[in-house]
Protein backbone atom coordinates (compact mmCIF):
# COMPACT_ATOMS: atom_id res chain seq x y z
CA UNK A 1 -0.52 23.56 -18.68
CA UNK A 2 0.89 20.51 -16.78
CA UNK A 3 2.64 18.04 -19.00
CA UNK A 4 1.16 15.27 -20.44
CA UNK A 5 3.48 12.08 -20.36
CA UNK A 6 3.66 8.87 -22.10
CA UNK A 7 1.88 7.45 -19.75
CA UNK A 8 -1.57 8.96 -20.63
CA UNK A 9 -1.01 8.75 -24.66
CA UNK A 10 -0.42 4.60 -23.89
CA UNK A 11 -3.39 4.50 -21.51
CA UNK A 12 -5.68 5.98 -24.16
CA UNK A 13 -4.76 2.66 -26.70
CA UNK A 14 -6.75 1.13 -23.95
CA UNK A 15 -10.05 3.02 -24.41
CA UNK A 16 -13.04 0.15 -25.82
CA UNK A 17 -11.46 -2.15 -23.17
CA UNK A 18 -13.05 -2.35 -19.97
CA UNK A 19 -11.62 -4.36 -17.73
CA UNK A 20 -14.74 -5.86 -16.06
CA UNK A 21 -16.35 -9.46 -15.77
CA UNK A 22 -19.44 -11.20 -14.93
CA UNK A 23 -21.71 -11.23 -12.17
CA UNK A 24 -19.58 -13.82 -10.98
CA UNK A 25 -15.68 -14.30 -11.20
CA UNK A 26 -14.67 -16.87 -13.67
CA UNK A 27 -11.05 -17.47 -13.41
CA UNK A 28 -10.23 -17.59 -16.95
CA UNK A 29 -12.21 -15.34 -19.20
CA UNK A 30 -10.47 -15.67 -22.84
CA UNK A 31 -13.26 -16.01 -24.45
CA UNK A 32 -15.23 -12.10 -22.65
CA UNK A 33 -14.93 -9.71 -25.21
CA UNK A 34 -14.17 -7.08 -22.93
CA UNK A 35 -10.99 -8.58 -22.55
CA UNK A 36 -7.46 -8.17 -24.63
CA UNK A 37 -7.32 -11.73 -26.23
CA UNK A 38 -5.42 -13.61 -28.90
CA UNK A 39 -7.73 -12.75 -32.05
CA UNK A 40 -8.60 -8.28 -30.97
CA UNK A 41 -4.99 -7.51 -29.52
CA UNK A 42 -1.37 -8.22 -29.20
CA UNK A 43 1.56 -8.85 -27.00
CA UNK A 44 2.20 -4.96 -26.17
CA UNK A 45 -1.50 -4.35 -25.22
CA UNK A 46 -1.10 -7.18 -22.76
CA UNK A 47 1.79 -5.94 -21.38
CA UNK A 48 0.12 -2.54 -21.30
CA UNK A 49 -3.10 -3.94 -19.96
CA UNK A 50 -1.21 -6.16 -17.11
CA UNK A 51 0.41 -3.43 -15.95
CA UNK A 52 -2.06 -1.18 -15.49
CA UNK A 53 -4.04 -3.86 -13.75
CA UNK A 54 -1.40 -4.90 -11.46
CA UNK A 55 -0.97 -1.14 -10.00
CA UNK A 56 -4.87 -0.81 -9.23
CA UNK A 57 -4.16 -4.24 -7.79
CA UNK A 58 -1.63 -3.13 -5.33
CA UNK A 59 -3.01 -0.07 -4.72
CA UNK A 60 -5.99 -1.87 -3.67
CA UNK A 61 -5.01 -4.41 -1.47
CA UNK A 62 -2.48 -1.54 -0.09
CA UNK A 63 -5.66 0.19 0.85
CA UNK A 64 -7.03 -2.49 2.43
CA UNK A 65 -3.60 -3.53 5.05
CA UNK A 66 -3.54 0.18 5.85
CA UNK A 67 -6.71 0.60 7.26
CA UNK A 68 -6.53 -2.32 10.01
CA UNK A 69 -2.80 -0.83 10.78
CA UNK A 70 -4.31 2.86 11.38
CA UNK A 71 -2.07 3.60 8.37
CA UNK A 72 -5.69 4.70 7.11
CA UNK A 73 -8.61 5.10 8.61
CA UNK A 74 -11.06 1.88 9.24
CA UNK A 75 -14.67 2.87 9.25
CA UNK A 76 -16.43 -0.04 10.80
CA UNK A 77 -16.81 -0.87 14.37
CA UNK A 78 -15.59 -4.55 14.14
CA UNK A 79 -13.29 -6.46 12.37
CA UNK A 80 -15.58 -8.99 11.00
CA UNK A 81 -17.36 -6.62 9.31
CA UNK A 82 -15.05 -4.32 8.46
CA UNK A 83 -14.27 -6.53 5.00
CA UNK A 84 -17.02 -8.67 4.43
CA UNK A 85 -16.81 -10.97 1.25
CA UNK A 86 -17.91 -8.11 -1.32
CA UNK A 87 -15.72 -5.66 -0.21
CA UNK A 88 -12.51 -7.74 -2.09
CA UNK A 89 -14.28 -8.96 -5.50
CA UNK A 90 -12.60 -5.90 -7.18
CA UNK A 91 -9.02 -6.82 -5.99
CA UNK A 92 -9.73 -10.73 -7.08
CA UNK A 93 -11.32 -9.81 -10.16
CA UNK A 94 -8.14 -8.00 -11.20
CA UNK A 95 -6.05 -10.67 -10.19
CA UNK A 96 -7.76 -14.03 -11.65
CA UNK A 97 -10.10 -13.04 -14.23
CA UNK A 98 -7.74 -9.93 -15.79
CA UNK A 99 -4.24 -10.38 -15.40
CA UNK A 100 -3.51 -13.71 -14.63
CA UNK A 101 -6.13 -14.72 -17.99
CA UNK A 102 -3.96 -11.76 -19.98
CA UNK A 103 -0.81 -13.14 -18.49
CA UNK A 104 -1.66 -17.15 -19.92
CA UNK A 105 -2.52 -15.64 -23.26
CA UNK A 106 0.05 -13.35 -23.34
CA UNK A 107 2.91 -15.83 -22.89
CA UNK A 108 1.36 -18.23 -25.53
CA UNK A 109 1.47 -15.65 -27.60
CA UNK A 110 5.21 -14.41 -26.43
CA UNK A 111 5.90 -17.96 -27.11
CA UNK A 112 4.67 -17.95 -30.88
CA UNK A 113 6.27 -14.65 -31.96
CA UNK A 114 9.67 -15.62 -30.35
CA UNK A 115 12.31 -13.53 -28.78
CA UNK A 116 10.12 -12.14 -26.26
CA UNK A 117 11.94 -13.66 -22.62
CA UNK A 118 11.66 -10.45 -21.30
CA UNK A 119 8.12 -10.09 -21.68
CA UNK A 120 7.36 -13.12 -19.63
CA UNK A 121 10.28 -12.35 -17.11
CA UNK A 122 7.83 -9.15 -16.37
CA UNK A 123 5.48 -11.24 -15.63
CA UNK A 124 6.49 -13.77 -13.69
CA UNK A 125 7.79 -10.74 -11.16
CA UNK A 126 4.25 -9.29 -11.47
CA UNK A 127 2.43 -12.75 -10.88
CA UNK A 128 4.75 -13.41 -7.96
CA UNK A 129 3.87 -10.35 -6.49
CA UNK A 130 0.07 -10.89 -6.85
CA UNK A 131 0.49 -14.53 -5.55
CA UNK A 132 2.58 -13.56 -3.05
CA UNK A 133 -0.21 -11.02 -2.01
CA UNK A 134 -2.65 -13.00 -2.33
CA UNK A 135 -1.32 -15.59 0.10
CA UNK A 136 -0.85 -12.57 2.83
CA UNK A 137 -3.98 -11.60 2.79
CA UNK A 138 -5.98 -14.87 2.30
CA UNK A 139 -4.18 -18.14 2.77
CA UNK A 140 -4.95 -20.42 0.47
CA UNK A 141 -5.62 -19.51 -3.02
CA UNK A 142 -6.31 -20.85 -6.48
CA UNK A 143 -2.98 -21.39 -8.01
CA UNK A 144 -2.43 -24.93 -10.04
CA UNK A 145 -5.95 -24.86 -11.88
CA UNK A 146 -6.58 -21.56 -12.04
CA UNK A 147 -6.74 -19.86 -15.45
CA UNK A 148 -7.42 -23.33 -16.93
CA UNK A 149 -11.40 -23.45 -17.71
CA UNK A 150 -11.73 -26.25 -20.06
CA UNK A 151 -10.03 -28.73 -16.93
CA UNK A 152 -11.42 -26.57 -13.82
CA UNK A 153 -14.16 -24.82 -14.28
CA UNK A 154 -14.20 -24.37 -10.71
CA UNK A 155 -10.68 -24.21 -9.73
CA UNK A 156 -9.52 -25.52 -6.14
CA UNK A 157 -7.36 -23.84 -3.60
CA UNK A 158 -3.86 -24.61 -3.41
CA UNK A 159 -1.91 -24.72 0.18
CA UNK A 160 -0.76 -21.15 1.24
CA UNK A 161 2.71 -22.51 1.85
CA UNK A 162 2.62 -24.38 -1.30
CA UNK A 163 1.93 -21.57 -3.62
CA UNK A 164 4.70 -19.39 -1.70
CA UNK A 165 6.90 -21.89 -3.05
CA UNK A 166 5.81 -21.90 -6.44
CA UNK A 167 6.49 -18.00 -5.88
CA UNK A 168 9.95 -18.00 -5.08
CA UNK A 169 10.59 -20.35 -8.12
CA UNK A 170 9.03 -18.35 -10.39
CA UNK A 171 11.03 -15.37 -9.75
CA UNK A 172 13.89 -17.41 -10.00
CA UNK A 173 12.66 -18.32 -13.36
CA UNK A 174 12.00 -14.52 -14.38
CA UNK A 175 15.50 -13.64 -13.39
CA UNK A 176 16.90 -16.16 -15.95
CA UNK A 177 14.43 -14.86 -18.78
CA UNK A 178 14.85 -11.24 -18.05
CA UNK A 179 19.12 -11.61 -18.30
CA UNK A 180 18.63 -12.96 -21.76
CA UNK A 181 20.58 -10.58 -24.09
CA UNK A 182 18.68 -11.84 -27.20
CA UNK A 183 15.40 -10.93 -26.11
CA UNK A 184 13.88 -8.05 -27.11
CA UNK A 185 12.24 -4.96 -25.04
CA UNK A 186 8.89 -4.58 -24.41
CA UNK A 187 6.76 -1.82 -26.12
CA UNK A 188 6.42 0.44 -22.77
CA UNK A 189 7.48 -0.81 -19.42
CA UNK A 190 5.50 1.91 -17.15
CA UNK A 191 8.16 0.88 -14.26
CA UNK A 192 11.62 0.53 -15.16
CA UNK A 193 11.78 1.58 -18.84
CA UNK A 194 13.12 -1.47 -20.25
CA UNK A 195 16.16 -1.76 -17.30
CA UNK A 196 16.12 -5.02 -16.62
CA UNK A 197 18.74 -5.06 -14.38
CA UNK A 198 16.43 -3.29 -12.51
CA UNK A 199 13.29 -5.67 -13.02
CA UNK A 200 16.36 -8.66 -11.65
CA UNK A 201 16.85 -6.47 -8.18
CA UNK A 202 13.31 -6.35 -7.85
CA UNK A 203 12.86 -10.41 -8.62
CA UNK A 204 15.18 -10.62 -5.52
CA UNK A 205 14.21 -8.17 -3.64
CA UNK A 206 10.40 -10.56 -3.76
CA UNK A 207 12.28 -13.42 -2.39
CA UNK A 208 13.81 -11.42 0.45
CA UNK A 209 10.25 -10.47 1.57
CA UNK A 210 9.01 -13.65 1.15
CA UNK A 211 11.87 -15.12 3.31
CA UNK A 212 11.17 -12.30 6.00
CA UNK A 213 7.17 -13.55 6.21
CA UNK A 214 8.51 -16.76 6.80
CA UNK A 215 11.09 -16.60 8.91
CA UNK A 216 8.39 -17.94 11.54
CA UNK A 217 8.49 -20.97 10.13
CA UNK A 218 11.51 -21.38 8.45
CA UNK A 219 14.51 -21.74 10.11
CA UNK A 220 16.67 -20.78 7.47
CA UNK A 221 15.04 -18.20 6.01
CA UNK A 222 16.87 -15.32 7.42
CA UNK A 223 20.49 -17.00 6.07
CA UNK A 224 18.79 -17.38 2.17
CA UNK A 225 17.54 -13.50 2.99
CA UNK A 226 20.89 -12.33 4.30
CA UNK A 227 22.45 -14.41 1.09
CA UNK A 228 20.41 -12.21 -1.09
CA UNK A 229 21.79 -9.07 0.63
CA UNK A 230 25.29 -9.60 1.06
CA UNK A 231 25.27 -9.63 -2.75
CA UNK A 232 23.44 -6.06 -2.79
CA UNK A 233 21.38 -7.10 -5.98
CA UNK A 234 18.57 -5.68 -4.64
CA UNK A 235 16.58 -2.24 -4.25
CA UNK A 236 18.72 -0.65 -2.10
CA UNK A 237 18.23 2.67 -3.29
CA UNK A 238 15.92 4.87 -4.60
CA UNK A 239 16.97 4.76 -8.00
CA UNK A 240 15.49 1.16 -7.95
CA UNK A 241 12.32 1.99 -6.21
CA UNK A 242 9.40 0.04 -7.87
CA UNK A 243 6.45 2.01 -8.32
CA UNK A 244 3.40 3.34 -10.93
CA UNK A 245 3.39 7.35 -11.60
CA UNK A 246 0.40 8.99 -12.35
CA UNK A 247 -0.13 11.59 -14.96
CA UNK A 248 -2.89 15.05 -14.99
CA UNK A 249 -4.85 13.77 -17.70
CA UNK A 250 -8.75 13.83 -17.63
CA UNK A 251 -11.42 13.67 -19.51
CA UNK A 252 -14.66 12.28 -20.75
CA UNK A 253 -13.29 8.93 -21.61
CA UNK A 254 -10.01 8.67 -19.40
CA UNK A 255 -8.58 9.79 -16.06
CA UNK A 256 -4.62 8.83 -15.12
CA UNK A 257 -4.67 10.84 -12.09
CA UNK A 258 -4.08 9.06 -8.49
CA UNK A 259 -7.31 7.29 -7.17
CA UNK A 260 -6.62 9.22 -3.87
CA UNK A 261 -5.80 12.10 -5.83
CA UNK A 262 -9.71 11.48 -7.17
CA UNK A 263 -11.14 11.53 -4.25
CA UNK A 264 -9.60 14.39 -2.08
CA UNK A 265 -9.73 17.07 -4.98
CA UNK A 266 -13.57 17.75 -5.94
CA UNK A 267 -15.53 19.98 -6.42
CA UNK A 268 -17.69 18.69 -3.51
CA UNK A 269 -14.22 18.50 -0.58
CA UNK A 270 -12.77 15.34 0.50
CA UNK A 271 -14.71 12.30 0.49
CA UNK A 272 -12.45 10.05 2.56
CA UNK A 273 -11.20 10.30 6.01
CA UNK A 274 -7.72 10.29 7.60
CA UNK A 275 -6.63 7.80 10.31
CA UNK A 276 -6.62 10.02 13.38
CA UNK A 277 -3.58 7.57 15.02
CA UNK A 278 -1.79 8.33 11.72
CA UNK A 279 -1.75 12.18 11.94
CA UNK A 280 -1.12 12.39 15.72
CA UNK A 281 1.87 9.80 15.96
CA UNK A 282 3.75 12.14 13.11
CA UNK A 283 2.23 15.34 14.91
CA UNK A 284 3.37 14.71 17.99
CA UNK A 285 6.73 13.45 16.46
CA UNK A 286 7.68 16.26 14.88
CA UNK A 287 7.60 14.55 11.81
CA UNK A 288 9.11 16.16 9.12
CA UNK A 289 6.93 14.24 6.57
CA UNK A 290 3.40 15.34 7.73
CA UNK A 291 2.63 18.65 5.59
CA UNK A 292 3.74 16.21 2.60
CA UNK A 293 1.26 13.33 3.31
CA UNK A 294 -1.46 15.39 4.43
CA UNK A 295 -2.98 18.90 3.44
CA UNK A 296 -5.71 20.60 6.05
CA UNK A 297 -8.24 22.55 5.22
CA UNK A 298 -9.07 23.80 8.31
CA UNK A 299 -7.32 25.34 11.42
CA UNK A 300 -8.10 23.70 14.28
CA UNK A 301 -10.27 20.39 14.73
CA UNK A 302 -12.92 20.76 17.40
CA UNK A 303 -12.40 20.17 20.96
CA UNK A 304 -8.64 20.82 20.53
CA UNK A 305 -5.76 23.40 20.24
CA UNK A 306 -5.38 24.98 16.82
CA UNK A 307 -2.14 25.89 15.07
CA UNK A 308 -1.79 29.21 16.35
CA UNK A 309 -2.25 28.11 19.96
CA UNK A 310 -6.24 29.14 20.29
CA UNK A 311 -8.21 26.60 21.59
CA UNK A 312 -11.64 25.37 19.51
CA UNK A 313 -14.81 24.42 20.98
CA UNK A 314 -16.75 21.41 20.31
CA UNK A 315 -18.91 21.50 17.63
CA UNK A 316 -20.89 18.08 17.54
CA UNK A 317 -22.93 19.43 14.35
CA UNK A 318 -19.37 18.64 12.21
CA UNK A 319 -17.32 16.40 14.52
CA UNK A 320 -20.21 14.56 16.47
CA UNK A 321 -17.53 12.70 19.16
CA UNK A 322 -15.98 16.44 20.32
CA UNK A 323 -18.77 16.54 22.63
CA UNK A 324 -18.08 12.78 23.63
CA UNK A 325 -15.57 11.66 26.94
CA UNK A 326 -12.75 9.30 25.62
CA UNK A 327 -13.67 6.09 25.59
CA UNK A 328 -13.25 4.30 28.74
CA UNK A 329 -10.61 1.66 27.44
CA UNK A 330 -8.25 4.18 25.61
CA UNK A 331 -5.29 5.15 27.93
CA UNK A 332 -5.19 8.32 29.04
CA UNK A 333 -2.70 9.17 26.33
CA UNK A 334 -4.56 7.82 23.61
CA UNK A 335 -6.06 9.98 20.76
CA UNK A 336 -9.22 10.40 20.38
CA UNK A 337 -11.81 12.44 17.90
CA UNK A 338 -9.76 15.77 17.77
CA UNK A 339 -6.55 15.93 16.44
CA UNK A 340 -4.36 19.27 17.47
CA UNK A 341 -3.55 22.13 14.38
CA UNK A 342 -6.61 21.16 12.53
CA UNK A 343 -5.94 17.73 11.46
CA UNK A 344 -9.60 16.58 11.04
CA UNK A 345 -10.02 12.65 10.37
CA UNK A 346 -11.69 10.00 12.25
CA UNK A 347 -10.17 6.95 14.99
CA UNK A 348 -10.10 3.63 14.33
CA UNK A 349 -13.21 1.67 14.06
CA UNK A 350 -15.14 4.79 13.32
CA UNK A 351 -17.84 4.24 11.36
CA UNK A 352 -20.51 7.01 12.10
CA UNK A 353 -22.65 8.85 9.90
CA UNK A 354 -21.36 11.53 7.51
CA UNK A 355 -21.73 15.70 8.76
CA UNK A 356 -21.32 18.35 6.38
CA UNK A 357 -17.37 18.15 6.88
CA UNK A 358 -16.17 17.88 3.85
CA UNK A 359 -14.21 20.95 3.13
CA UNK A 360 -12.77 20.58 7.17
CA UNK A 361 -11.55 17.37 6.78
CA UNK A 362 -7.86 16.72 5.94
CA UNK A 363 -7.10 15.51 2.76
CA UNK A 364 -4.67 13.67 1.12
CA UNK A 365 -1.41 15.94 0.41
CA UNK A 366 1.53 16.23 -2.31
CA UNK A 367 2.84 12.34 -1.61
CA UNK A 368 1.78 9.85 -2.58
CA UNK A 369 -1.13 10.94 -4.38
CA UNK A 370 0.22 14.36 -6.00
CA UNK A 371 -1.99 17.02 -4.38
CA UNK A 372 -1.34 19.99 -2.16
CA UNK A 373 1.73 20.78 0.32
CA UNK A 374 0.45 22.01 3.13
CA UNK A 375 2.01 25.40 3.92
CA UNK A 376 -0.62 26.33 6.19
CA UNK A 377 -2.73 28.08 3.75
CA UNK A 378 -5.94 26.51 4.58
CA UNK A 379 -7.75 26.52 1.71
CA UNK A 380 -10.25 24.35 0.28
CA UNK A 381 -9.38 21.54 -1.90
CA UNK A 382 -10.57 21.95 -5.67
CA UNK A 383 -10.05 20.80 -9.00
CA UNK A 384 -6.48 20.78 -10.65
CA UNK A 385 -4.74 21.48 -7.37
CA UNK A 386 -0.98 20.84 -6.16
CA UNK A 387 0.50 18.06 -8.16
CA UNK A 388 -2.66 17.43 -10.06
CA UNK A 389 -2.66 13.76 -9.59
CA UNK A 390 0.78 13.10 -10.70
CA UNK A 391 1.66 11.37 -7.89
CA UNK A 392 2.49 7.60 -7.36
CA UNK A 393 1.64 3.87 -6.07
CA UNK A 394 4.64 2.95 -4.07
CA UNK A 395 4.77 -0.75 -4.48
CA UNK A 396 8.76 -1.61 -3.17
CA UNK A 397 10.22 1.48 -2.37
CA UNK A 398 14.28 1.32 -0.99
CA UNK A 399 13.47 2.24 2.42
CA UNK A 400 11.35 -0.65 2.74
CA UNK A 401 14.02 -2.67 2.21
CA UNK A 402 16.31 -1.32 4.77
CA UNK A 403 13.33 -1.40 7.27
CA UNK A 404 13.31 -5.03 6.26
CA UNK A 405 17.13 -5.77 6.91
CA UNK A 406 16.86 -3.82 10.40
CA UNK A 407 14.01 -6.30 11.33
CA UNK A 408 16.42 -9.25 10.31
CA UNK A 409 19.22 -7.43 12.02
CA UNK A 410 17.12 -7.10 15.50
CA UNK A 411 16.33 -10.55 15.14
CA UNK A 412 19.42 -12.35 14.75
CA UNK A 413 20.64 -9.74 17.85
CA UNK A 414 22.88 -7.63 15.12
CA UNK A 415 23.08 -4.08 14.56
CA UNK A 416 20.16 -2.58 13.52
CA UNK A 417 20.24 1.23 14.17
CA UNK A 418 21.92 1.67 10.91
CA UNK A 419 19.41 0.25 8.86
CA UNK A 420 17.28 2.45 10.90
CA UNK A 421 19.05 5.33 10.41
CA UNK A 422 19.59 4.48 6.49
CA UNK A 423 15.51 3.83 6.05
CA UNK A 424 14.39 7.31 7.72
CA UNK A 425 16.82 9.13 5.90
CA UNK A 426 15.94 7.67 2.38
CA UNK A 427 12.17 7.60 3.28
CA UNK A 428 11.99 11.29 4.35
CA UNK A 429 14.74 12.31 1.56
CA UNK A 430 12.26 11.18 -1.03
CA UNK A 431 9.10 12.23 0.65
CA UNK A 432 10.30 15.66 0.21
CA UNK A 433 11.28 15.55 -3.30
CA UNK A 434 7.68 15.55 -4.28
CA UNK A 435 7.35 19.05 -2.55
CA UNK A 436 8.25 20.41 -6.00
CA UNK A 437 4.82 18.97 -8.13
CA UNK A 438 2.82 21.81 -6.09
CA UNK A 439 3.40 24.84 -8.29
CA UNK A 440 1.57 26.98 -6.24
CA UNK A 441 2.85 25.81 -2.14
CA UNK A 442 5.54 28.32 -0.53
CA UNK A 443 8.15 25.95 -0.19
CA UNK A 444 10.46 28.23 2.05
CA UNK A 445 11.90 26.43 5.19
CA UNK A 446 11.65 27.43 8.61
CA UNK A 447 14.71 29.13 8.68
CA UNK A 448 13.14 31.47 6.20
CA UNK A 449 9.84 31.91 8.08
CA UNK A 450 8.61 28.99 5.99
CA UNK A 451 7.07 25.60 6.48
CA UNK A 452 10.04 23.34 4.80
CA UNK A 453 12.32 21.06 7.36
CA UNK A 454 16.01 22.37 6.81
CA UNK A 455 18.10 19.49 6.47
CA UNK A 456 19.58 20.26 10.04
CA UNK A 457 15.83 19.78 11.51
CA UNK A 458 15.45 16.28 9.18
CA UNK A 459 18.96 15.67 10.57
CA UNK A 460 18.03 15.88 14.61
CA UNK A 461 14.69 14.09 13.75
CA UNK A 462 16.38 11.21 13.00
CA UNK A 463 19.10 10.84 15.10
CA UNK A 464 16.54 11.47 18.10
CA UNK A 465 14.57 8.14 17.01
CA UNK A 466 18.03 6.46 16.29
CA UNK A 467 19.25 7.49 19.78
CA UNK A 468 15.95 6.55 21.49
CA UNK A 469 16.11 3.00 19.57
CA UNK A 470 19.76 2.47 20.50
CA UNK A 471 18.50 2.91 24.42
CA UNK A 472 15.85 1.12 24.25
CA UNK A 473 14.87 -2.68 25.52
CA UNK A 474 13.55 -4.84 22.71
CA UNK A 475 9.62 -3.95 23.29
CA UNK A 476 11.07 -0.34 22.64
CA UNK A 477 12.81 -1.13 19.90
CA UNK A 478 9.93 -3.19 18.43
CA UNK A 479 7.89 -0.43 18.49
CA UNK A 480 9.85 2.02 17.14
CA UNK A 481 10.91 0.34 14.34
CA UNK A 482 7.48 -0.02 13.64
CA UNK A 483 5.92 3.11 14.06
CA UNK A 484 8.95 4.01 11.57
CA UNK A 485 8.27 1.30 9.33
CA UNK A 486 4.69 2.48 9.25
CA UNK A 487 4.81 6.34 8.50
CA UNK A 488 7.45 5.60 5.42
CA UNK A 489 4.75 2.60 4.18
CA UNK A 490 2.00 5.45 3.86
CA UNK A 491 0.42 4.99 0.13
CA UNK A 492 0.87 1.19 0.60
CA UNK A 493 0.05 -0.76 3.67
CA UNK A 494 0.67 -4.28 2.83
CA UNK A 495 4.03 -4.88 4.05
CA UNK A 496 2.93 -3.02 7.42
CA UNK A 497 0.00 -5.42 7.69
CA UNK A 498 2.02 -8.15 7.62
CA UNK A 499 4.68 -6.54 10.00
CA UNK A 500 1.78 -6.42 12.44
CA UNK A 501 1.04 -9.97 12.16
CA UNK A 502 4.54 -11.34 12.48
CA UNK A 503 5.53 -9.43 15.09
CA UNK A 504 2.71 -7.94 16.97
CA UNK A 505 3.88 -4.75 17.28
CA UNK A 506 3.74 -1.43 17.22
CA UNK A 507 1.50 -2.16 20.76
CA UNK A 508 0.67 1.57 20.55
CA UNK A 509 -1.70 1.88 17.85
CA UNK A 510 -4.98 3.35 18.58
CA UNK A 511 -7.84 0.90 20.06
CA UNK A 512 -11.11 0.90 18.39
CA UNK A 513 -13.68 3.10 19.46
CA UNK A 514 -15.74 -0.14 20.10
CA UNK A 515 -14.47 -1.83 23.61
CA UNK A 516 -15.36 -5.29 21.60
CA UNK A 517 -14.78 -4.95 18.31
CA UNK A 518 -13.93 -8.85 18.08
CA UNK A 519 -10.67 -11.20 16.56
CA UNK A 520 -8.07 -8.70 14.34
CA UNK A 521 -8.37 -10.05 10.95
CA UNK A 522 -5.35 -12.42 10.62
CA UNK A 523 -7.06 -13.67 6.88
CA UNK A 524 -9.60 -12.32 4.93
CA UNK A 525 -12.97 -13.63 3.52
CA UNK A 526 -12.82 -15.10 0.40
CA UNK A 527 -14.22 -12.56 -1.87
CA UNK A 528 -18.17 -13.34 -2.58
CA UNK A 529 -17.52 -13.77 -6.69
CA UNK A 530 -15.63 -16.51 -5.88
CA UNK A 531 -17.10 -18.69 -2.74
CA UNK A 532 -20.51 -18.25 -3.63
CA UNK A 533 -20.43 -20.04 -6.86
CA UNK A 534 -17.51 -22.22 -6.76
CA UNK A 535 -18.52 -25.51 -4.43
CA UNK A 536 -14.74 -25.89 -4.07
CA UNK A 537 -13.61 -22.52 -2.94
CA UNK A 538 -15.58 -22.50 0.99
CA UNK A 539 -16.05 -19.51 2.63
CA UNK A 540 -14.50 -18.78 5.98
CA UNK A 541 -16.52 -18.92 8.99
CA UNK A 542 -14.45 -15.49 10.63
CA UNK A 543 -11.50 -13.41 9.89
CA UNK A 544 -9.39 -15.66 12.67
CA UNK A 545 -7.74 -18.03 10.50
CA UNK A 546 -3.87 -17.43 10.32
CA UNK A 547 -1.96 -17.91 7.10
CA UNK A 548 0.89 -20.10 7.36
CA UNK A 549 3.72 -18.21 8.05
CA UNK A 550 2.06 -16.49 11.03
CA UNK A 551 2.05 -18.84 13.83
CA UNK A 552 1.90 -16.52 16.13
CA UNK A 553 -0.69 -16.91 19.37
CA UNK A 554 -4.47 -16.56 18.05
CA UNK A 555 -6.45 -13.65 18.60
CA UNK A 556 -8.16 -12.45 20.39
CA UNK A 557 -4.62 -11.32 22.84
CA UNK A 558 -2.09 -11.31 19.39
CA UNK A 559 -2.04 -8.55 18.42
CA UNK A 560 -2.64 -6.87 21.07
CA UNK A 561 -3.26 -3.37 20.15
CA UNK A 562 -6.51 -3.91 19.10
């Protein structure tokens, strides 16, 4: 029987509280009986609700970005329909109706109680991340008038650059509060277990991320980023990773498992599709993480070569495109429809019908969702398999910091290869540590007839990539950095979405199946629940609008791989 940790117990304390809103999204629901309020709750219940909503926000937004940059699969034939105004209502509600409203009330309660500066500091860090992410995806967003329903029932949008500036100030305020030695600890801290030195490192890391994103519009951004990096007080080791860890508890009242596990380990099979580009890229590269990311139910994909070297015939009933020719706009080397060795997913922008393939598709693996490790057993998915869903939502990992420093070095003309090497090693080590979650897996190394890469195999893989990077021209360097960063961001594609708009790389991403998919999503439509009832939020005419830090050429043409 799997161990039940404190997260499940404390989530149960929230039973009876449903984090929903009315049909339209008001930005202050302090009187909604479904919300935790000053009247019916206390500060610690606020903190629990805020932390749980935050991981849901980070997970959902990360999934949006992942689909656009091929870490995940985008199931729409064109970009303007990929994320309709209604598709982000959930994320917007989590931010404004839930978190920001709860934070306002919680801060008032913390102030009245006294000695709760660390509570406020943590909330400011979470709010800063949320606001920064909202700007990255939407551009101008409500801020100064938000959560003030009595004065501003229909809040206006704030300039996105101004919100970013406010975020940086908010993080500085948070650091001061977090270092108040007289303040008491939080009842339950899901992320750092009341290690406030780590919260300070996170605040510094988020500032570095803000400077990285704004380096195209702020000539001093790199200097400000390097000043923090030189202090060493940022997330640089796995011990400081900022992540939410799920549990295995599921009953008729609560499901504490990773959402990706919930969708892929069902009695009816896998319910979603993985990205053909991502799986093929990792397979062709011999990436040591591939068996941890993906779990295959089938040994061979139609019209491709299986793991045993045998060719599988086309099967139009299970995989319609297996009888089709590669689209004429695809280069000859670009994967289409069928990935070798049984990696069964879908191409970028393919949104066709659903065949009877739920026990053939590749599912999510042991990392990060707590599923099965792929030891070539080729058995069907099912309930309670693998790690039981006790995975993580990665929100900021140490490897990502080293990828950030590699980008800065590349921009500045410095030596980026060392940062790339560290980033890859840290990422692979973390991913491989998840294998033990699957108690049924054969974790024998390849030296012993198993599938787990040896340390030598990992070292050789990293060395080969770093050598290719070091010897390549600038386009090669940017492509390798982007590809490796994207792989390491499996589980949360927000930073990768930013990287793609910031740099235009990788240029080797799979194109959409449709030859004319329209312009790439440079920013999202405003959620329908906000734009429809609020006259101060004018809906965007398209997805071409660029956020303030994206001063690259307009679409089409940039980014190029669409």
